[in-house]
C-alpha atoms as a PDB file:
ATOM      1  CA  MET A   1       2.676 -13.448  -8.836  1.00  0.00           C
ATOM      2  CA  GLU A   2       0.476 -13.438 -11.241  1.00  0.00           C
ATOM      3  CA  TYR A   3      -0.560  -9.908 -11.268  1.00  0.00           C
ATOM      4  CA  ASN A   4       2.934  -8.514 -12.082  1.00  0.00           C
ATOM      5  CA  ASN A   5       2.851  -8.342 -15.656  1.00  0.00           C
ATOM      6  CA  GLN A   6      -0.587  -5.997 -15.002  1.00  0.00           C
ATOM      7  CA  LEU A   7       1.497  -3.637 -13.436  1.00  0.00           C
ATOM      8  CA  SER A   8       3.230  -0.582 -14.436  1.00  0.00           C
ATOM      9  CA  GLU A   9       7.064  -0.403 -13.975  1.00  0.00           C
ATOM     10  CA  ASN A  10       5.863   2.623 -11.237  1.00  0.00           C
ATOM     11  CA  ASP A  11       3.198   0.336  -9.524  1.00  0.00           C
ATOM     12  CA  LYS A  12       5.474  -2.790  -9.393  1.00  0.00           C
ATOM     13  CA  ARG A  13       8.772  -0.745  -8.177  1.00  0.00           C
ATOM     14  CA  PHE A  14       6.386   0.920  -5.450  1.00  0.00           C
ATOM     15  CA  ALA A  15       4.962  -2.417  -4.031  1.00  0.00           C
ATOM     16  CA  ASP A  16       8.424  -3.938  -4.069  1.00  0.00           C
ATOM     17  CA  GLU A  17       9.718  -0.942  -1.878  1.00  0.00           C
ATOM     18  CA  PHE A  18       6.495  -0.999   0.312  1.00  0.00           C
ATOM     19  CA  SER A  19       7.173  -4.373   0.821  1.00  0.00           C
ATOM     20  CA  ASN A  20      11.267  -3.868   1.783  1.00  0.00           C
ATOM     21  CA  TYR A  21       9.833  -0.904   4.033  1.00  0.00           C
ATOM     22  CA  VAL A  22       7.195  -3.093   6.335  1.00  0.00           C
ATOM     23  CA  ASN A  23       9.660  -5.707   6.618  1.00  0.00           C
ATOM     24  CA  GLY A  24      12.095  -4.415   8.987  1.00  0.00           C
ATOM     25  CA  LYS A  25      12.555  -0.564   7.966  1.00  0.00           C
ATOM     26  CA  MET A  26       9.235   0.538   9.744  1.00  0.00           C
ATOM     27  CA  ALA A  27       9.542   1.460  13.365  1.00  0.00           C
ATOM     28  CA  SER A  28       5.421   1.938  13.982  1.00  0.00           C
ATOM     29  CA  PRO A  29       2.433   0.736  11.873  1.00  0.00           C
ATOM     30  CA  ARG A  30       0.444   2.648  13.883  1.00  0.00           C
ATOM     31  CA  LYS A  31       2.252   5.750  13.619  1.00  0.00           C
ATOM     32  CA  MET A  32       2.506   5.170   9.788  1.00  0.00           C
ATOM     33  CA  GLY A  33      -0.991   4.688   9.562  1.00  0.00           C
ATOM     34  CA  LYS A  34      -1.821   7.968  11.378  1.00  0.00           C
ATOM     35  CA  ALA A  35       0.883   9.654   9.101  1.00  0.00           C
ATOM     36  CA  LEU A  36      -0.892   8.319   6.022  1.00  0.00           C
ATOM     37  CA  ALA A  37      -4.357   9.481   7.201  1.00  0.00           C
ATOM     38  CA  ASP A  38      -2.858  13.380   8.022  1.00  0.00           C
ATOM     39  CA  ASP A  39      -2.964  14.402   4.515  1.00  0.00           C
ATOM     40  CA  HIS A  40      -5.226  16.172   1.706  1.00  0.00           C
ATOM     41  CA  ARG A  41      -8.666  14.127   1.765  1.00  0.00           C
ATOM     42  CA  TYR A  42      -8.398  13.497  -1.631  1.00  0.00           C
ATOM     43  CA  LEU A  43      -5.334  11.560  -1.232  1.00  0.00           C
ATOM     44  CA  VAL A  44      -6.719   9.970   2.257  1.00  0.00           C
ATOM     45  CA  ASN A  45      -9.167   8.933  -0.462  1.00  0.00           C
ATOM     46  CA  GLU A  46      -6.795   7.480  -2.808  1.00  0.00           C
ATOM     47  CA  LYS A  47      -4.869   5.488  -0.406  1.00  0.00           C
ATOM     48  CA  ALA A  48      -7.989   4.195   1.301  1.00  0.00           C
ATOM     49  CA  LYS A  49      -8.918   2.849  -1.981  1.00  0.00           C
ATOM     50  CA  LEU A  50      -5.679   0.927  -2.237  1.00  0.00           C
ATOM     51  CA  MET A  51      -6.316  -0.447   1.089  1.00  0.00           C
ATOM     52  CA  PHE A  52      -9.360  -1.759   0.562  1.00  0.00           C
ATOM     53  CA  TYR A  53      -8.540  -3.155  -3.031  1.00  0.00           C
ATOM     54  CA  PHE A  54      -5.635  -5.027  -0.673  1.00  0.00           C
ATOM     55  CA  MET A  55      -8.446  -6.244   1.582  1.00  0.00           C
ATOM     56  CA  GLU A  56     -10.392  -7.492  -1.021  1.00  0.00           C
ATOM     57  CA  GLN A  57      -7.510  -9.499  -2.677  1.00  0.00           C
ATOM     58  CA  LEU A  58      -6.386 -10.948   1.108  1.00  0.00           C
ATOM     59  CA  ALA A  59     -10.453 -12.118   1.499  1.00  0.00           C
ATOM     60  CA  GLU A  60     -10.167 -13.843  -2.400  1.00  0.00           C
ATOM     61  CA  ASN A  61      -6.517 -15.655  -1.530  1.00  0.00           C
END
C-alpha cells in the first residue's frame, strides 16, 4: 500500500487494527454501524468523513 508511508503511526495502527477487527472479530456489521452512529454528533460527523473518503478511494481503485 503506497499511502502507508504518508500515514502517522497512530493512523497506520488504527488501519491495521480495523482490518483485523472486520476480518473475523466483528459479530454484526449492522449492529456495529448502529453503535458507531450512536455517538456525539461531532464524532459521528468525523466518522462519516472517514467513511466518505474510504468510499471515494474505493471508486478510484
